[in-house]
Amino acid sequence: MTTLENTIIRLLREKPFYGHFLLNLRRETASASPHAAGVTIRDGVPTLSINPPLFEQYDPGERQALMEHLVKHLLHLHPLRRKGRNRHDWDAACDLAINPGIDGLPDDVLRPERFGLEPGLAAEEYYGLLTRPFDTGNLEGSGYGDGERDDKGAAGHGRAQVRDAATLDDHEIWDAADSTPFALAEEMLRSITRDSLRGSDGEAPGDIQGVVDDLLRPSPIPWRQVLRQFVATAGRVGRRTTWTREHRRFDHITPGIRKRHRLNLLVGIDVSDSTNIVALREAFAGELLRIARGREAAITVVYANSRIQRVEAFTGAPGTVGRYDGGGFTDLRPLFEYAKTMHPLPAAVIYLTDGIGPAPEVMEFPTLWVLTADGEKPVPWGVELRLEETG
């Protein structure tokens, strides 16, 4: 993947926001894909997919433009907004919406003028022009796009022809995003966007400043809902998909028959002085109890500061999560070392902390950082959630 690394380095120099955004994505190789690259939300994690031989066929400027194209798909939440729409027409509409603002793309990419459409519209607006209202046909097909265009003129073009139009990147993998709740995926992308701004001295390119501002506005979704959605996603991922396969690398044995498995979660409680906020800890503990009672869940709670101070475990039976006030400074690494010793391994880690302290360099478990109002996400990986007392 040297070519990809070189492309990201070039972006870090010339367009640092895009470079830092790409560094936050999980990467996977897709040798069978007919496209050079694609992005999606897979198993709850924003993912960059690369077919190295096809990617290397582009020149350096085109590779850079392709990466910018992929980041814009995520910023606009395009993979998450396809549900209920004709797939082919929505895919084309998304490329039409973002391609005009990207320099260096190959000449044959989808552009509005190619179909007699004005530039600068949103994907939903292009979709409305490409697809007949109330008559979308088979959502799995290529749509219509061959009727008479009777709005805004465009003499000689007729209605936009998209039947044979192909997208620049791989949109088939957008199907993977359907299993992640919208609010949770949005929170993940919001977290990556914050990290990208930090890495680029708070500056985003002018053409995406508006969408970045919209994405970073305070979420109206209560923190409890995002927490529940993260746990629900961890339950699915821990049983059936790639996280299960990764668990096998750590000697996790998956039963050979289908049956309902108990969801194992590891919850870290930072007990340093900076997170000694009783109301928030109690609200967080109460929500964990409700989650445990509502499903077959085994939750291990680890109280830690610079080292592990106490370990408790509870299941769906009625009970309480105790409080433990430890004080001292924070080191986030011991919790993840403890996670590797658990059997079975946890499906996910949830850490209530201010985030100020050393953390592992790589993510080995799906992780939700539940941060206090003034907290800082300690590493680029994982999902960031702000815990507000009024949530």
Protein backbone atom coordinates (compact mmCIF):
# COMPACT_ATOMS: atom_id res chain seq x y z
CA MET A 1 0.00 0.00 0.00
CA THR A 2 3.01 2.29 -0.53
CA THR A 3 1.20 4.24 -3.24
CA LEU A 4 -1.66 4.98 -0.84
CA GLU A 5 0.77 6.08 1.86
CA ASN A 6 2.48 8.44 -0.57
CA THR A 7 -0.88 9.89 -1.61
CA ILE A 8 -1.85 10.55 2.01
CA ILE A 9 1.53 12.17 2.69
CA ARG A 10 1.00 14.45 -0.29
CA LEU A 11 -2.42 15.41 1.04
CA LEU A 12 -1.01 16.07 4.50
CA ARG A 13 1.32 18.61 2.92
CA GLU A 14 -1.12 20.22 0.48
CA LYS A 15 -4.57 19.64 2.00
CA PRO A 16 -3.94 18.55 5.60
CA PHE A 17 -7.61 18.19 6.56
CA TYR A 18 -8.11 15.44 3.97
CA GLY A 19 -4.85 13.74 4.90
CA HIS A 20 -5.71 13.60 8.60
CA PHE A 21 -9.23 12.40 7.82
CA LEU A 22 -7.86 9.47 5.82
CA LEU A 23 -5.45 8.55 8.61
CA ASN A 24 -8.48 8.01 10.87
CA LEU A 25 -10.09 5.42 8.57
CA ARG A 26 -9.65 1.70 8.91
CA ARG A 27 -8.11 0.25 5.73
CA GLU A 28 -8.91 -2.93 3.87
CA THR A 29 -7.72 -4.46 0.60
CA ALA A 30 -10.38 -5.32 -1.99
CA SER A 31 -8.53 -7.11 -4.77
CA ALA A 32 -11.76 -8.31 -6.41
CA SER A 33 -13.35 -4.86 -6.65
CA PRO A 34 -13.73 -3.37 -10.15
CA HIS A 35 -12.98 0.07 -8.65
CA ALA A 36 -9.70 1.49 -7.38
CA ALA A 37 -11.14 2.58 -4.03
CA GLY A 38 -14.25 3.13 -1.96
CA VAL A 39 -15.42 4.15 1.50
CA THR A 40 -18.18 2.87 3.75
CA ILE A 41 -19.17 2.30 7.40
CA ARG A 42 -18.35 -1.35 8.03
CA ASP A 43 -19.21 -2.97 11.35
CA GLY A 44 -19.67 0.49 12.81
CA VAL A 45 -16.25 1.78 11.67
CA PRO A 46 -15.54 4.20 8.78
CA THR A 47 -13.47 2.16 6.34
CA LEU A 48 -11.30 2.89 3.29
CA SER A 49 -11.20 0.06 0.73
CA ILE A 50 -8.37 -0.09 -1.83
CA ASN A 51 -7.67 -2.26 -4.87
CA PRO A 52 -3.91 -1.59 -5.11
CA PRO A 53 -3.31 -2.53 -8.80
CA LEU A 54 -6.21 -0.38 -10.01
CA PHE A 55 -5.28 2.47 -7.65
CA GLU A 56 -1.74 2.53 -9.01
CA GLN A 57 -3.06 3.00 -12.57
CA TYR A 58 -4.04 6.58 -11.74
CA ASP A 59 -1.42 9.31 -11.84
CA PRO A 60 -0.50 11.02 -8.53
CA GLY A 61 -2.85 13.97 -9.08
CA GLU A 62 -5.77 11.68 -9.86
CA ARG A 63 -5.07 9.54 -6.81
CA GLN A 64 -5.13 12.63 -4.63
CA ALA A 65 -8.39 13.79 -6.20
CA LEU A 66 -9.92 10.32 -5.70
CA MET A 67 -9.09 10.43 -1.98
CA GLU A 68 -10.69 13.87 -1.71
CA HIS A 69 -13.76 12.45 -3.49
CA LEU A 70 -14.02 9.62 -0.93
CA VAL A 71 -13.71 11.94 2.07
CA LYS A 72 -16.50 14.13 0.71
CA HIS A 73 -18.80 11.11 0.40
CA LEU A 74 -18.35 10.48 4.13
CA LEU A 75 -18.67 14.13 5.14
CA HIS A 76 -21.98 14.31 3.27
CA LEU A 77 -23.06 10.97 4.82
CA HIS A 78 -23.86 9.67 1.32
CA PRO A 79 -23.56 5.93 2.14
CA LEU A 80 -26.01 6.39 5.03
CA ARG A 81 -28.67 8.27 3.05
CA ARG A 82 -29.29 5.74 0.26
CA LYS A 83 -31.95 3.67 2.04
CA GLY A 84 -35.31 3.68 0.23
CA ARG A 85 -33.88 5.19 -2.96
CA ASN A 86 -33.02 3.75 -6.33
CA ARG A 87 -29.45 2.69 -5.79
CA HIS A 88 -28.05 3.46 -9.24
CA ASP A 89 -29.58 6.93 -9.44
CA TRP A 90 -28.60 7.83 -5.88
CA ASP A 91 -25.02 6.70 -6.50
CA ALA A 92 -24.85 8.85 -9.64
CA ALA A 93 -26.45 11.82 -7.87
CA CYS A 94 -23.85 11.69 -5.08
CA ASP A 95 -20.97 11.81 -7.55
CA LEU A 96 -22.65 14.66 -9.45
CA ALA A 97 -22.93 16.63 -6.21
CA ILE A 98 -19.26 16.46 -5.20
CA ASN A 99 -17.21 16.09 -8.40
CA PRO A 100 -17.45 19.73 -9.63
CA GLY A 101 -15.49 20.98 -6.61
CA ILE A 102 -12.56 18.58 -7.03
CA ASP A 103 -9.60 19.39 -9.28
CA GLY A 104 -7.61 16.64 -10.94
CA LEU A 105 -10.28 13.95 -11.38
CA PRO A 106 -10.17 11.74 -14.49
CA ASP A 107 -11.93 13.23 -17.52
CA ASP A 108 -14.64 10.55 -17.67
CA VAL A 109 -16.15 11.08 -14.19
CA LEU A 110 -19.79 12.08 -13.76
CA ARG A 111 -20.29 15.84 -14.04
CA PRO A 112 -23.57 17.79 -14.12
CA GLU A 113 -22.90 19.45 -17.49
CA ARG A 114 -22.58 16.01 -19.07
CA PHE A 115 -26.32 15.58 -18.45
CA GLY A 116 -27.42 19.15 -19.03
CA LEU A 117 -27.69 19.86 -15.31
CA GLU A 118 -26.49 22.89 -13.40
CA PRO A 119 -23.61 22.41 -10.93
CA GLY A 120 -23.80 23.12 -7.23
CA LEU A 121 -26.91 21.09 -6.32
CA ALA A 122 -27.20 18.65 -3.44
CA ALA A 123 -27.38 14.89 -4.06
CA GLU A 124 -31.12 14.88 -3.27
CA GLU A 125 -31.72 17.57 -5.91
CA TYR A 126 -29.83 15.65 -8.59
CA TYR A 127 -31.64 12.48 -7.58
CA GLY A 128 -34.96 14.21 -8.11
CA LEU A 129 -33.88 15.19 -11.62
CA LEU A 130 -32.60 11.73 -12.46
CA THR A 131 -35.52 9.69 -11.17
CA ARG A 132 -39.21 9.97 -12.06
CA PRO A 133 -41.31 11.09 -9.09
CA PHE A 134 -43.57 8.36 -7.70
CA ASP A 135 -42.30 5.87 -10.29
CA THR A 136 -38.85 4.71 -9.30
CA GLY A 137 -39.29 1.13 -10.43
CA ASN A 138 -36.96 -1.50 -9.03
CA LEU A 139 -34.74 0.05 -6.39
CA GLU A 140 -32.05 -2.47 -7.28
CA GLY A 141 -31.96 -1.50 -10.97
CA SER A 142 -30.62 1.47 -12.85
CA GLY A 143 -33.67 3.71 -12.58
CA TYR A 144 -35.34 5.52 -15.45
CA GLY A 145 -33.65 8.79 -16.30
CA ASP A 146 -35.03 8.75 -19.86
CA GLY A 147 -38.17 10.88 -19.60
CA GLU A 148 -38.56 14.38 -20.96
CA ARG A 149 -36.92 17.03 -18.82
CA ASP A 150 -39.40 19.87 -18.39
CA ASP A 151 -37.74 21.97 -15.71
CA LYS A 152 -35.09 24.66 -16.25
CA GLY A 153 -34.95 24.17 -20.02
CA ALA A 154 -31.68 22.55 -21.11
CA ALA A 155 -32.79 22.39 -24.74
CA GLY A 156 -31.42 19.51 -26.74
CA HIS A 157 -30.56 17.39 -23.72
CA GLY A 158 -33.92 15.98 -22.62
CA ARG A 159 -34.05 14.33 -19.23
CA ALA A 160 -30.68 13.29 -17.88
CA GLN A 161 -29.51 9.89 -19.18
CA VAL A 162 -27.91 7.93 -16.34
CA ARG A 163 -28.73 4.37 -17.30
CA ASP A 164 -25.15 3.54 -18.27
CA ALA A 165 -23.42 6.01 -15.96
CA ALA A 166 -20.70 4.58 -13.71
CA THR A 167 -19.41 6.07 -10.48
CA LEU A 168 -15.75 6.85 -9.92
CA ASP A 169 -15.46 4.78 -6.74
CA ASP A 170 -16.97 1.59 -5.35
CA HIS A 171 -20.53 2.24 -4.12
CA GLU A 172 -21.45 -1.44 -3.77
CA ILE A 173 -19.73 -1.46 -0.40
CA TRP A 174 -22.17 1.20 0.81
CA ASP A 175 -24.49 -1.71 1.61
CA ALA A 176 -22.30 -2.39 4.66
CA ALA A 177 -23.39 0.95 6.16
CA ASP A 178 -27.01 -0.18 6.46
CA SER A 179 -26.30 -2.19 9.62
CA THR A 180 -24.99 0.83 11.58
CA PRO A 181 -27.62 3.15 13.14
CA PHE A 182 -27.51 6.59 11.53
CA ALA A 183 -26.94 8.49 14.79
CA LEU A 184 -24.02 6.28 15.76
CA ALA A 185 -22.39 6.52 12.32
CA GLU A 186 -22.86 10.30 12.36
CA GLU A 187 -21.19 10.47 15.78
CA MET A 188 -18.24 8.45 14.47
CA LEU A 189 -17.77 10.76 11.50
CA ARG A 190 -18.17 13.80 13.73
CA SER A 191 -15.35 12.46 15.89
CA ILE A 192 -13.06 11.91 12.88
CA THR A 193 -13.86 15.41 11.62
CA ARG A 194 -12.85 16.94 14.97
CA ASP A 195 -9.57 15.04 14.92
CA SER A 196 -8.92 16.13 11.33
CA LEU A 197 -9.44 19.77 12.27
CA ARG A 198 -7.05 19.44 15.21
CA GLY A 199 -4.42 17.99 12.88
CA SER A 200 -4.89 20.78 10.35
CA ASP A 201 -4.73 23.68 12.83
CA GLY A 202 -8.51 24.06 12.84
CA GLU A 203 -8.77 24.79 9.12
CA ALA A 204 -10.96 22.96 6.60
CA PRO A 205 -10.94 23.69 2.84
CA GLY A 206 -13.33 26.48 1.98
CA ASP A 207 -15.59 24.37 -0.25
CA ILE A 208 -16.40 21.98 2.60
CA GLN A 209 -16.39 24.44 5.50
CA GLY A 210 -20.19 24.55 5.52
CA VAL A 211 -20.67 20.79 5.65
CA VAL A 212 -17.99 20.51 8.36
CA ASP A 213 -19.74 23.18 10.44
CA ASP A 214 -23.08 21.40 10.02
CA LEU A 215 -21.58 18.07 11.05
CA LEU A 216 -19.96 19.53 14.16
CA ARG A 217 -23.05 21.27 15.47
CA PRO A 218 -24.13 19.77 18.82
CA SER A 219 -26.03 16.57 18.18
CA PRO A 220 -29.68 16.57 19.26
CA ILE A 221 -29.42 12.83 19.90
CA PRO A 222 -29.36 12.11 23.66
CA TRP A 223 -26.15 10.44 24.78
CA ARG A 224 -28.13 7.50 26.16
CA GLN A 225 -29.46 6.68 22.68
CA VAL A 226 -25.98 6.72 21.14
CA LEU A 227 -24.71 4.50 23.96
CA ARG A 228 -27.53 2.00 23.35
CA GLN A 229 -26.88 1.99 19.61
CA PHE A 230 -23.17 1.38 20.15
CA VAL A 231 -23.94 -1.59 22.41
CA ALA A 232 -26.47 -2.97 19.92
CA THR A 233 -23.94 -2.69 17.09
CA ALA A 234 -21.26 -4.33 19.24
CA GLY A 235 -23.66 -7.20 19.87
CA ARG A 236 -24.12 -7.83 16.16
CA VAL A 237 -20.47 -7.36 15.31
CA GLY A 238 -19.21 -9.52 18.16
CA ARG A 239 -21.26 -12.48 16.98
CA ARG A 240 -21.14 -12.59 13.23
CA THR A 241 -18.81 -10.30 11.37
CA THR A 242 -15.25 -9.03 11.14
CA TRP A 243 -14.71 -8.37 14.81
CA THR A 244 -15.41 -12.05 15.39
CA ARG A 245 -12.75 -12.96 12.86
CA GLU A 246 -10.30 -10.59 14.53
CA HIS A 247 -11.08 -12.18 17.87
CA ARG A 248 -9.77 -15.49 16.53
CA ARG A 249 -6.34 -13.92 16.32
CA PHE A 250 -6.49 -13.63 20.10
CA ASP A 251 -7.46 -17.29 20.58
CA HIS A 252 -11.15 -16.54 21.01
CA ILE A 253 -13.13 -19.71 20.30
CA THR A 254 -16.45 -19.20 18.52
CA PRO A 255 -19.01 -22.02 18.98
CA GLY A 256 -19.60 -24.03 15.84
CA ILE A 257 -23.39 -23.95 16.10
CA ARG A 258 -25.80 -21.05 15.93
CA LYS A 259 -27.21 -20.02 19.27
CA ARG A 260 -27.78 -16.83 21.18
CA HIS A 261 -24.58 -15.59 22.78
CA ARG A 262 -24.26 -13.38 25.79
CA LEU A 263 -22.85 -9.98 24.90
CA ASN A 264 -19.63 -9.34 26.79
CA LEU A 265 -18.74 -5.70 27.38
CA LEU A 266 -15.78 -4.19 29.20
CA VAL A 267 -16.52 -0.83 30.83
CA GLY A 268 -13.72 1.35 32.13
CA ILE A 269 -14.37 4.03 34.75
CA ASP A 270 -11.63 6.62 35.07
CA VAL A 271 -11.37 7.33 38.81
CA SER A 272 -8.75 10.06 38.63
CA ASP A 273 -9.55 13.39 40.29
CA SER A 274 -10.47 15.08 37.01
CA THR A 275 -13.45 12.78 36.36
CA ASN A 276 -14.86 12.68 39.88
CA ILE A 277 -18.29 13.96 38.78
CA VAL A 278 -20.81 12.04 40.84
CA ALA A 279 -23.96 12.93 38.88
CA LEU A 280 -22.46 11.89 35.55
CA ARG A 281 -21.02 8.66 36.89
CA GLU A 282 -24.35 7.70 38.43
CA ALA A 283 -26.28 8.52 35.24
CA PHE A 284 -23.80 6.48 33.22
CA ALA A 285 -24.01 3.55 35.63
CA GLY A 286 -27.81 3.63 35.60
CA GLU A 287 -27.92 3.47 31.81
CA LEU A 288 -25.51 0.51 31.79
CA LEU A 289 -27.81 -1.33 34.18
CA ARG A 290 -30.78 -0.73 31.91
CA ILE A 291 -28.80 -2.05 28.94
CA ALA A 292 -27.78 -5.15 30.88
CA ARG A 293 -31.35 -5.87 31.97
CA GLY A 294 -32.69 -5.38 28.44
CA ARG A 295 -30.52 -8.04 26.78
CA GLU A 296 -28.29 -10.97 27.60
CA ALA A 297 -25.25 -8.95 28.57
CA ALA A 298 -22.29 -9.63 30.83
CA ILE A 299 -20.63 -6.35 31.78
CA THR A 300 -17.24 -6.18 33.47
CA VAL A 301 -16.57 -2.82 35.13
CA VAL A 302 -12.95 -1.87 35.73
CA TYR A 303 -12.11 1.15 37.90
CA ALA A 304 -8.71 2.54 36.96
CA ASN A 305 -6.47 5.57 37.11
CA SER A 306 -2.78 4.93 36.43
CA ARG A 307 -3.46 1.26 37.19
CA ILE A 308 -6.44 -1.00 37.75
CA GLN A 309 -7.93 -0.41 41.17
CA ARG A 310 -10.99 -2.64 41.23
CA VAL A 311 -12.94 -5.05 38.99
CA GLU A 312 -16.67 -5.83 39.22
CA ALA A 313 -18.96 -7.89 37.03
CA PHE A 314 -22.73 -7.95 36.62
CA THR A 315 -25.26 -9.37 34.19
CA GLY A 316 -28.89 -8.64 33.38
CA ALA A 317 -30.02 -9.43 36.91
CA PRO A 318 -31.13 -6.47 39.05
CA GLY A 319 -28.24 -4.80 40.77
CA THR A 320 -26.23 -1.62 41.06
CA VAL A 321 -22.91 -0.39 39.77
CA GLY A 322 -20.83 0.72 42.70
CA ARG A 323 -18.84 3.93 42.91
CA TYR A 324 -15.11 3.86 43.54
CA ASP A 325 -13.14 7.07 44.05
CA GLY A 326 -9.46 6.50 43.34
CA GLY A 327 -7.89 9.87 42.56
CA GLY A 328 -4.43 10.17 41.05
CA PHE A 329 -3.44 10.59 37.40
CA THR A 330 -4.72 8.71 34.35
CA ASP A 331 -3.14 6.03 32.17
CA LEU A 332 -5.64 4.53 29.74
CA ARG A 333 -3.51 1.58 28.66
CA PRO A 334 -4.00 -0.85 31.59
CA LEU A 335 -7.70 -1.31 30.77
CA PHE A 336 -6.91 -2.49 27.24
CA GLU A 337 -4.18 -4.80 28.51
CA TYR A 338 -6.75 -6.29 30.88
CA ALA A 339 -9.18 -6.72 27.95
CA LYS A 340 -6.71 -9.02 26.19
CA THR A 341 -6.71 -11.38 29.19
CA MET A 342 -10.49 -11.81 29.29
CA HIS A 343 -12.14 -15.00 28.07
CA PRO A 344 -14.20 -14.64 26.07
CA LEU A 345 -12.79 -11.39 24.78
CA PRO A 346 -15.09 -8.38 25.08
CA ALA A 347 -17.18 -7.48 22.03
CA ALA A 348 -16.47 -3.82 22.79
CA VAL A 349 -14.85 -1.45 25.29
CA ILE A 350 -16.65 1.57 26.74
CA TYR A 351 -14.44 4.00 28.67
CA LEU A 352 -15.77 6.86 30.81
CA THR A 353 -12.86 9.28 31.07
CA ASP A 354 -11.58 12.78 30.43
CA GLY A 355 -9.19 11.20 27.92
CA ILE A 356 -6.13 12.97 29.28
CA GLY A 357 -3.50 10.26 29.51
CA PRO A 358 -1.53 7.80 27.38
CA ALA A 359 -3.55 5.27 25.35
CA PRO A 360 -2.72 2.36 23.00
CA GLU A 361 -1.59 3.36 19.51
CA VAL A 362 -3.94 0.96 17.72
CA MET A 363 -7.51 -0.19 18.31
CA GLU A 364 -7.90 -3.90 19.06
CA PHE A 365 -11.51 -3.71 20.23
CA PRO A 366 -14.43 -1.50 19.09
CA THR A 367 -14.18 1.38 21.58
CA LEU A 368 -16.57 4.11 22.70
CA TRP A 369 -14.84 7.01 24.46
CA VAL A 370 -17.45 8.50 26.79
CA LEU A 371 -15.88 11.85 27.57
CA THR A 372 -16.67 14.47 30.16
CA ALA A 373 -17.68 17.92 28.89
CA ASP A 374 -14.09 19.23 28.97
CA GLY A 375 -12.47 15.93 28.04
CA GLU A 376 -10.23 15.21 25.05
CA LYS A 377 -10.28 12.17 22.82
CA PRO A 378 -6.87 10.60 23.54
CA VAL A 379 -6.30 8.84 20.17
CA PRO A 380 -7.71 9.08 16.64
CA TRP A 381 -9.43 5.68 16.77
CA GLY A 382 -12.70 4.84 18.49
CA VAL A 383 -16.00 6.69 18.72
CA GLU A 384 -16.28 9.90 20.75
CA LEU A 385 -19.38 10.65 22.85
CA ARG A 386 -19.84 13.63 25.15
CA LEU A 387 -21.60 12.76 28.38
CA GLU A 388 -23.85 15.64 29.40
CA GLU A 389 -25.63 15.56 32.73
CA THR A 390 -28.85 16.80 31.14
CA GLY A 391 -28.72 14.13 28.39
